[in-house]
């Protein structure tokens, strides 16, 4: 995995922090949201962190985790913008959702490129 992919994964994790209720700018009441949404966002938050850590040692696993990160960063914010997850998003959260979608598209594009996965080195 190249440097830019690692940077995008780190930026994605930081962007998720900005949208975390209680920590970031999301001010909606989370009691209406189902528990499954919290688990989905947990997976979406930890997938880029694990992909980032795995990128030095296990490039194939990092690639699949980056694809999972991209899917989470595209689908969950899109559902949030549609008002499915917890009601209508505040304006600041809508901006974070759009940012997550853009970063997710960039990660997905890079993860599906063959050049991202270097050839294994001989020991």
N, C-alpha and C. Protein backbone atom coordinates (compact mmCIF):
# COMPACT_ATOMS: atom_id res chain seq x y z
N UNK A 1 0.85 -1.16 0.00
CA UNK A 1 0.00 0.00 0.00
C UNK A 1 0.90 1.23 0.00
N UNK A 2 0.59 2.15 -0.81
CA UNK A 2 1.43 3.34 -0.95
C UNK A 2 1.07 4.39 0.08
N UNK A 3 1.89 5.39 0.15
CA UNK A 3 1.75 6.43 1.16
C UNK A 3 0.40 7.14 1.10
N UNK A 4 -0.09 7.45 -0.10
CA UNK A 4 -1.34 8.20 -0.21
C UNK A 4 -2.53 7.40 0.28
N UNK A 5 -2.49 6.10 0.09
CA UNK A 5 -3.57 5.26 0.61
C UNK A 5 -3.57 5.28 2.13
N UNK A 6 -2.39 5.24 2.72
CA UNK A 6 -2.30 5.31 4.18
C UNK A 6 -2.79 6.66 4.70
N UNK A 7 -2.45 7.71 4.00
CA UNK A 7 -2.91 9.05 4.40
C UNK A 7 -4.42 9.14 4.32
N UNK A 8 -5.02 8.62 3.26
CA UNK A 8 -6.48 8.64 3.12
C UNK A 8 -7.16 7.84 4.23
N UNK A 9 -6.58 6.69 4.60
CA UNK A 9 -7.15 5.89 5.68
C UNK A 9 -7.09 6.64 7.01
N UNK A 10 -5.98 7.34 7.26
CA UNK A 10 -5.85 8.11 8.51
C UNK A 10 -6.84 9.29 8.52
N UNK A 11 -6.98 9.96 7.39
CA UNK A 11 -7.92 11.09 7.31
C UNK A 11 -9.36 10.59 7.49
N UNK A 12 -9.66 9.40 6.98
CA UNK A 12 -10.99 8.83 7.15
C UNK A 12 -11.29 8.58 8.63
N UNK A 13 -10.33 8.04 9.36
CA UNK A 13 -10.53 7.79 10.78
C UNK A 13 -10.75 9.10 11.54
N UNK A 14 -10.00 10.14 11.20
CA UNK A 14 -10.18 11.45 11.86
C UNK A 14 -11.54 12.05 11.50
N UNK A 15 -11.97 11.87 10.27
CA UNK A 15 -13.28 12.39 9.86
C UNK A 15 -14.41 11.68 10.61
N UNK A 16 -14.24 10.38 10.88
CA UNK A 16 -15.25 9.68 11.68
C UNK A 16 -15.32 10.25 13.09
N UNK A 17 -14.19 10.65 13.65
CA UNK A 17 -14.20 11.24 14.99
C UNK A 17 -15.00 12.54 15.02
N UNK A 18 -14.90 13.30 13.94
CA UNK A 18 -15.65 14.57 13.89
C UNK A 18 -17.15 14.34 13.90
N UNK A 19 -17.60 13.22 13.41
CA UNK A 19 -19.03 12.94 13.37
C UNK A 19 -19.54 12.08 14.50
N UNK A 20 -18.70 11.76 15.47
CA UNK A 20 -19.11 10.91 16.58
C UNK A 20 -19.98 11.69 17.56
N UNK A 21 -21.16 11.19 17.88
CA UNK A 21 -22.01 11.90 18.84
C UNK A 21 -21.31 12.01 20.20
N UNK A 22 -21.35 13.18 20.78
CA UNK A 22 -20.70 13.42 22.05
C UNK A 22 -19.27 13.90 21.92
N UNK A 23 -18.58 13.49 20.88
CA UNK A 23 -17.20 13.93 20.63
C UNK A 23 -17.13 14.98 19.54
N UNK A 24 -17.97 14.83 18.55
CA UNK A 24 -17.88 15.70 17.39
C UNK A 24 -19.05 16.65 17.27
N UNK A 25 -19.46 16.88 16.06
CA UNK A 25 -20.46 17.90 15.78
C UNK A 25 -21.88 17.36 15.63
N UNK A 26 -22.04 16.05 15.75
CA UNK A 26 -23.38 15.47 15.64
C UNK A 26 -24.13 15.69 16.94
N UNK A 27 -25.19 16.47 16.88
CA UNK A 27 -25.94 16.85 18.08
C UNK A 27 -27.29 16.13 18.18
N UNK A 28 -27.55 15.19 17.31
CA UNK A 28 -28.84 14.50 17.33
C UNK A 28 -28.95 13.55 18.52
N UNK A 29 -30.17 13.32 18.95
CA UNK A 29 -30.43 12.36 20.02
C UNK A 29 -30.28 10.95 19.45
N UNK A 30 -29.41 10.16 20.03
CA UNK A 30 -29.12 8.83 19.50
C UNK A 30 -30.02 7.74 20.06
N UNK A 31 -30.98 8.10 20.91
CA UNK A 31 -31.86 7.08 21.47
C UNK A 31 -32.82 6.51 20.44
N UNK A 32 -33.08 7.23 19.36
CA UNK A 32 -33.98 6.74 18.30
C UNK A 32 -33.27 5.81 17.33
N UNK A 33 -31.95 5.86 17.29
CA UNK A 33 -31.19 5.05 16.34
C UNK A 33 -31.08 3.61 16.87
N UNK A 34 -31.25 2.63 16.00
CA UNK A 34 -31.10 1.24 16.45
C UNK A 34 -29.65 0.93 16.83
N UNK A 35 -29.47 -0.08 17.68
CA UNK A 35 -28.12 -0.45 18.14
C UNK A 35 -27.25 -0.93 16.98
N UNK A 36 -27.86 -1.48 15.97
CA UNK A 36 -27.11 -1.97 14.82
C UNK A 36 -26.33 -0.85 14.14
N UNK A 37 -26.86 0.35 14.17
CA UNK A 37 -26.17 1.49 13.57
C UNK A 37 -24.85 1.76 14.30
N UNK A 38 -24.86 1.65 15.61
CA UNK A 38 -23.63 1.84 16.38
C UNK A 38 -22.58 0.80 16.04
N UNK A 39 -23.01 -0.45 15.89
CA UNK A 39 -22.07 -1.50 15.51
C UNK A 39 -21.52 -1.27 14.11
N UNK A 40 -22.38 -0.85 13.19
CA UNK A 40 -21.93 -0.59 11.82
C UNK A 40 -20.90 0.54 11.79
N UNK A 41 -21.16 1.61 12.55
CA UNK A 41 -20.19 2.70 12.61
C UNK A 41 -18.91 2.27 13.32
N UNK A 42 -19.02 1.36 14.27
CA UNK A 42 -17.82 0.83 14.93
C UNK A 42 -16.93 0.09 13.95
N UNK A 43 -17.54 -0.77 13.13
CA UNK A 43 -16.77 -1.48 12.10
C UNK A 43 -16.20 -0.50 11.09
N UNK A 44 -17.01 0.49 10.70
CA UNK A 44 -16.55 1.48 9.72
C UNK A 44 -15.41 2.33 10.28
N UNK A 45 -15.38 2.55 11.60
CA UNK A 45 -14.30 3.33 12.19
C UNK A 45 -13.02 2.50 12.34
N UNK A 46 -13.15 1.26 12.78
CA UNK A 46 -11.95 0.45 13.04
C UNK A 46 -11.36 -0.17 11.78
N UNK A 47 -12.14 -0.35 10.71
CA UNK A 47 -11.61 -0.93 9.48
C UNK A 47 -10.46 -0.11 8.89
N UNK A 48 -10.55 1.23 8.78
CA UNK A 48 -9.40 1.96 8.25
C UNK A 48 -8.19 1.92 9.18
N UNK A 49 -8.43 1.86 10.49
CA UNK A 49 -7.31 1.77 11.42
C UNK A 49 -6.57 0.44 11.28
N UNK A 50 -7.33 -0.65 11.15
CA UNK A 50 -6.71 -1.97 10.97
C UNK A 50 -6.05 -2.05 9.60
N UNK A 51 -6.68 -1.49 8.58
CA UNK A 51 -6.06 -1.48 7.24
C UNK A 51 -4.76 -0.69 7.25
N UNK A 52 -4.75 0.42 7.96
CA UNK A 52 -3.54 1.24 8.08
C UNK A 52 -2.43 0.44 8.75
N UNK A 53 -2.75 -0.24 9.85
CA UNK A 53 -1.75 -1.02 10.57
C UNK A 53 -1.27 -2.22 9.75
N UNK A 54 -2.17 -2.84 9.00
CA UNK A 54 -1.81 -4.03 8.22
C UNK A 54 -1.07 -3.69 6.93
N UNK A 55 -1.07 -2.43 6.54
CA UNK A 55 -0.53 -2.07 5.23
C UNK A 55 0.97 -2.30 5.11
N UNK A 56 1.70 -2.33 6.19
CA UNK A 56 3.14 -2.56 6.10
C UNK A 56 3.49 -4.03 6.02
N UNK A 57 2.70 -4.88 6.64
CA UNK A 57 3.07 -6.29 6.73
C UNK A 57 2.23 -7.18 5.81
N UNK A 58 0.94 -6.91 5.71
CA UNK A 58 0.02 -7.76 4.96
C UNK A 58 -0.73 -6.93 3.92
N UNK A 59 -0.14 -6.68 2.76
CA UNK A 59 -0.78 -5.80 1.78
C UNK A 59 -2.10 -6.34 1.23
N UNK A 60 -2.24 -7.66 1.12
CA UNK A 60 -3.49 -8.20 0.60
C UNK A 60 -4.63 -7.97 1.58
N UNK A 61 -4.39 -8.25 2.86
CA UNK A 61 -5.42 -8.01 3.87
C UNK A 61 -5.73 -6.52 3.97
N UNK A 62 -4.70 -5.69 3.88
CA UNK A 62 -4.90 -4.24 3.94
C UNK A 62 -5.76 -3.77 2.78
N UNK A 63 -5.58 -4.36 1.63
CA UNK A 63 -6.37 -3.97 0.47
C UNK A 63 -7.84 -4.28 0.68
N UNK A 64 -8.16 -5.48 1.19
CA UNK A 64 -9.55 -5.85 1.42
C UNK A 64 -10.16 -5.01 2.54
N UNK A 65 -9.37 -4.72 3.55
CA UNK A 65 -9.87 -3.86 4.63
C UNK A 65 -10.09 -2.43 4.13
N UNK A 66 -9.26 -1.99 3.20
CA UNK A 66 -9.46 -0.66 2.62
C UNK A 66 -10.75 -0.63 1.79
N UNK A 67 -11.04 -1.72 1.09
CA UNK A 67 -12.30 -1.80 0.34
C UNK A 67 -13.49 -1.78 1.30
N UNK A 68 -13.39 -2.52 2.42
CA UNK A 68 -14.43 -2.49 3.44
C UNK A 68 -14.59 -1.08 4.01
N UNK A 69 -13.48 -0.41 4.25
CA UNK A 69 -13.51 0.97 4.75
C UNK A 69 -14.22 1.89 3.77
N UNK A 70 -13.91 1.72 2.49
CA UNK A 70 -14.53 2.56 1.46
C UNK A 70 -16.03 2.32 1.40
N UNK A 71 -16.45 1.06 1.46
CA UNK A 71 -17.88 0.77 1.42
C UNK A 71 -18.60 1.39 2.62
N UNK A 72 -18.00 1.26 3.79
CA UNK A 72 -18.60 1.85 4.98
C UNK A 72 -18.66 3.37 4.90
N UNK A 73 -17.62 3.96 4.33
CA UNK A 73 -17.55 5.42 4.23
C UNK A 73 -18.47 5.97 3.15
N UNK A 74 -18.98 5.13 2.30
CA UNK A 74 -19.90 5.59 1.27
C UNK A 74 -21.35 5.30 1.68
N UNK A 75 -21.61 4.08 2.13
CA UNK A 75 -22.99 3.66 2.40
C UNK A 75 -23.56 4.33 3.65
N UNK A 76 -22.84 4.29 4.76
CA UNK A 76 -23.38 4.84 6.01
C UNK A 76 -23.65 6.34 5.94
N UNK A 77 -22.71 7.16 5.45
CA UNK A 77 -23.04 8.59 5.33
C UNK A 77 -24.17 8.87 4.33
N UNK A 78 -24.26 8.07 3.27
CA UNK A 78 -25.35 8.27 2.31
C UNK A 78 -26.70 7.98 2.97
N UNK A 79 -26.76 6.93 3.79
CA UNK A 79 -27.99 6.65 4.53
C UNK A 79 -28.28 7.73 5.56
N UNK A 80 -27.22 8.28 6.16
CA UNK A 80 -27.40 9.36 7.12
C UNK A 80 -27.93 10.62 6.44
N UNK A 81 -27.41 10.92 5.27
CA UNK A 81 -27.90 12.09 4.52
C UNK A 81 -29.36 11.91 4.10
N UNK A 82 -29.75 10.66 3.85
CA UNK A 82 -31.13 10.39 3.46
C UNK A 82 -32.07 10.42 4.66
N UNK A 83 -31.52 10.50 5.88
CA UNK A 83 -32.35 10.56 7.07
C UNK A 83 -32.81 9.22 7.58
N UNK A 84 -32.20 8.14 7.10
CA UNK A 84 -32.62 6.80 7.49
C UNK A 84 -32.09 6.42 8.87
N UNK A 85 -30.90 6.86 9.23
CA UNK A 85 -30.24 6.37 10.45
C UNK A 85 -30.69 7.06 11.73
N UNK A 86 -30.93 8.33 11.73
CA UNK A 86 -31.28 9.01 12.97
C UNK A 86 -32.00 10.31 12.74
N UNK A 87 -32.77 10.39 11.72
CA UNK A 87 -33.44 11.64 11.40
C UNK A 87 -32.59 12.52 10.52
N UNK A 88 -33.07 13.70 10.20
CA UNK A 88 -32.30 14.58 9.32
C UNK A 88 -31.00 15.04 9.98
N UNK A 89 -29.95 15.06 9.20
CA UNK A 89 -28.63 15.44 9.71
C UNK A 89 -28.53 16.96 9.82
N UNK A 90 -27.90 17.47 10.90
CA UNK A 90 -27.62 18.90 10.97
C UNK A 90 -26.68 19.31 9.84
N UNK A 91 -26.62 20.58 9.55
CA UNK A 91 -25.82 21.06 8.42
C UNK A 91 -24.36 20.67 8.55
N UNK A 92 -23.79 20.85 9.73
CA UNK A 92 -22.38 20.50 9.92
C UNK A 92 -22.14 19.00 9.73
N UNK A 93 -23.09 18.19 10.17
CA UNK A 93 -22.94 16.75 10.00
C UNK A 93 -23.11 16.36 8.54
N UNK A 94 -23.95 17.07 7.80
CA UNK A 94 -24.09 16.81 6.38
C UNK A 94 -22.78 17.08 5.65
N UNK A 95 -22.06 18.12 6.07
CA UNK A 95 -20.75 18.41 5.47
C UNK A 95 -19.77 17.27 5.76
N UNK A 96 -19.78 16.77 7.01
CA UNK A 96 -18.91 15.65 7.36
C UNK A 96 -19.30 14.40 6.57
N UNK A 97 -20.60 14.17 6.38
CA UNK A 97 -21.05 13.03 5.60
C UNK A 97 -20.56 13.11 4.16
N UNK A 98 -20.64 14.28 3.56
CA UNK A 98 -20.15 14.45 2.18
C UNK A 98 -18.64 14.22 2.14
N UNK A 99 -17.92 14.73 3.15
CA UNK A 99 -16.48 14.50 3.22
C UNK A 99 -16.16 13.01 3.33
N UNK A 100 -16.91 12.29 4.15
CA UNK A 100 -16.70 10.84 4.29
C UNK A 100 -16.95 10.12 2.97
N UNK A 101 -17.97 10.53 2.24
CA UNK A 101 -18.27 9.89 0.96
C UNK A 101 -17.14 10.15 -0.04
N UNK A 102 -16.63 11.37 -0.09
CA UNK A 102 -15.54 11.69 -1.02
C UNK A 102 -14.28 10.90 -0.67
N UNK A 103 -13.95 10.85 0.63
CA UNK A 103 -12.77 10.08 1.04
C UNK A 103 -12.98 8.60 0.76
N UNK A 104 -14.19 8.09 1.01
CA UNK A 104 -14.49 6.69 0.71
C UNK A 104 -14.36 6.36 -0.76
N UNK A 105 -14.79 7.27 -1.62
CA UNK A 105 -14.62 7.05 -3.06
C UNK A 105 -13.15 7.03 -3.44
N UNK A 106 -12.35 7.91 -2.84
CA UNK A 106 -10.91 7.94 -3.14
C UNK A 106 -10.24 6.66 -2.65
N UNK A 107 -10.59 6.20 -1.46
CA UNK A 107 -9.99 4.96 -0.94
C UNK A 107 -10.42 3.77 -1.80
N UNK A 108 -11.69 3.72 -2.17
CA UNK A 108 -12.17 2.64 -3.02
C UNK A 108 -11.49 2.62 -4.37
N UNK A 109 -11.29 3.79 -4.93
CA UNK A 109 -10.61 3.86 -6.23
C UNK A 109 -9.18 3.35 -6.10
N UNK A 110 -8.48 3.79 -5.06
CA UNK A 110 -7.09 3.36 -4.87
C UNK A 110 -6.99 1.88 -4.52
N UNK A 111 -7.95 1.38 -3.74
CA UNK A 111 -7.89 -0.02 -3.32
C UNK A 111 -8.17 -0.98 -4.47
N UNK A 112 -8.90 -0.54 -5.46
CA UNK A 112 -9.18 -1.42 -6.59
C UNK A 112 -8.15 -1.31 -7.70
N UNK A 113 -7.22 -0.40 -7.55
CA UNK A 113 -6.13 -0.28 -8.53
C UNK A 113 -5.11 -1.37 -8.29
N UNK A 114 -4.62 -2.00 -9.30
CA UNK A 114 -3.67 -3.10 -9.16
C UNK A 114 -2.32 -2.58 -8.65
N UNK A 115 -1.98 -1.32 -8.94
CA UNK A 115 -0.70 -0.78 -8.53
C UNK A 115 -0.60 -0.62 -7.02
N UNK A 116 -1.75 -0.61 -6.35
CA UNK A 116 -1.72 -0.41 -4.91
C UNK A 116 -1.06 -1.58 -4.18
N UNK A 117 -1.20 -2.78 -4.72
CA UNK A 117 -0.68 -3.94 -4.05
C UNK A 117 0.67 -4.30 -4.66
N UNK A 118 1.78 -3.98 -3.99
CA UNK A 118 3.09 -4.28 -4.55
C UNK A 118 3.36 -5.79 -4.54
N UNK A 119 4.28 -6.19 -5.37
CA UNK A 119 4.67 -7.61 -5.40
C UNK A 119 5.37 -7.97 -4.09
N UNK A 120 5.14 -9.19 -3.59
CA UNK A 120 5.81 -9.58 -2.35
C UNK A 120 7.33 -9.61 -2.51
N UNK A 121 7.99 -9.20 -1.46
CA UNK A 121 9.46 -9.18 -1.48
C UNK A 121 9.99 -10.52 -1.00
N UNK A 122 11.12 -10.89 -1.54
CA UNK A 122 11.78 -12.12 -1.09
C UNK A 122 12.38 -11.90 0.29
N UNK A 123 12.30 -12.92 1.15
CA UNK A 123 12.83 -12.73 2.51
C UNK A 123 14.35 -12.60 2.56
